[in-house]
Protein backbone atom coordinates (compact mmCIF):
# COMPACT_ATOMS: atom_id res chain seq x y z
CA MET A 1 -111.60 88.83 -23.12
CA THR A 2 -109.06 86.00 -23.26
CA HIS A 3 -108.64 84.03 -26.48
CA VAL A 4 -106.45 80.92 -26.38
CA VAL A 5 -104.67 79.39 -29.37
CA ILE A 6 -104.27 75.61 -29.17
CA VAL A 7 -101.60 74.10 -31.40
CA GLY A 8 -102.59 70.61 -32.50
CA GLY A 9 -105.90 68.81 -32.80
CA GLY A 10 -104.79 65.61 -31.11
CA PRO A 11 -105.95 64.22 -27.78
CA ALA A 12 -104.25 66.90 -25.67
CA GLY A 13 -105.42 69.77 -27.88
CA LEU A 14 -109.02 68.55 -27.96
CA SER A 15 -109.00 67.97 -24.20
CA ALA A 16 -107.71 71.50 -23.66
CA ALA A 17 -110.43 72.84 -25.97
CA ALA A 18 -113.14 70.95 -24.08
CA CYS A 19 -111.93 72.32 -20.74
CA LEU A 20 -111.80 75.86 -22.12
CA ALA A 21 -115.30 75.52 -23.58
CA GLU A 22 -116.63 74.46 -20.17
CA ARG A 23 -115.23 77.70 -18.77
CA ASP A 24 -116.57 79.86 -21.64
CA VAL A 25 -113.04 80.77 -22.77
CA ALA A 26 -112.71 81.49 -26.50
CA PHE A 27 -110.17 79.34 -28.36
CA THR A 28 -108.89 78.45 -31.80
CA ILE A 29 -107.37 75.06 -32.63
CA LEU A 30 -104.57 75.09 -35.20
CA GLU A 31 -104.13 71.71 -36.91
CA ARG A 32 -101.97 71.27 -39.98
CA GLY A 33 -103.66 68.03 -41.00
CA GLU A 34 -107.14 67.24 -42.21
CA GLY A 35 -109.30 67.24 -39.10
CA PRO A 36 -108.82 66.05 -35.53
CA PHE A 37 -106.22 63.40 -34.73
CA ALA A 38 -104.58 63.95 -38.14
CA GLY A 39 -101.09 63.37 -36.71
CA LEU A 40 -102.05 59.99 -35.29
CA ARG A 41 -103.81 58.97 -38.49
CA ALA A 42 -100.75 59.91 -40.54
CA LEU A 43 -98.69 57.35 -38.62
CA ASP A 44 -101.08 54.51 -39.43
CA PRO A 45 -104.48 55.24 -41.02
CA GLU A 46 -105.86 51.88 -39.84
CA MET A 47 -104.62 52.19 -36.27
CA GLN A 48 -107.10 51.32 -33.53
CA LEU A 49 -106.41 51.98 -29.87
CA LEU A 50 -106.84 49.12 -27.43
CA THR A 51 -107.13 51.47 -24.48
CA PRO A 52 -110.37 50.94 -22.55
CA PRO A 53 -112.85 53.77 -23.24
CA ARG A 54 -112.78 54.93 -19.60
CA PHE A 55 -109.16 56.02 -20.14
CA SER A 56 -109.49 57.52 -23.62
CA ARG A 57 -112.69 59.56 -23.51
CA LEU A 58 -112.42 63.30 -23.85
CA PRO A 59 -114.09 65.57 -21.30
CA GLY A 60 -117.80 65.92 -22.00
CA MET A 61 -117.83 63.25 -24.70
CA THR A 62 -119.05 59.68 -24.74
CA THR A 63 -117.13 56.83 -26.31
CA GLN A 64 -118.20 53.63 -27.97
CA GLY A 65 -117.02 50.20 -26.98
CA ALA A 66 -116.88 48.12 -23.87
CA ASP A 67 -114.52 48.62 -20.98
CA TYR A 68 -112.20 45.67 -20.51
CA GLU A 69 -111.97 44.01 -17.15
CA ARG A 70 -108.99 45.06 -15.07
CA PHE A 71 -106.39 42.64 -13.76
CA GLY A 72 -107.89 40.68 -10.90
CA GLU A 73 -111.48 41.23 -12.02
CA VAL A 74 -111.61 38.43 -14.57
CA VAL A 75 -113.12 35.21 -13.22
């Protein structure tokens, strides 16, 4: 049986984990910080992304917040 080690619990690592879980592949996430996205939080603990949720949601997860209108859609 394959077991994958994912280095980093940021967006890419969590996305990889979600895709592996969908395929029933065992994995372990190695993160040196305290919990997911620790590296991003270390840069600025109060940081908030302005990316619309449709671009920042992880596979299989829902996000909170409204999608912003795209250029040309605002009346």
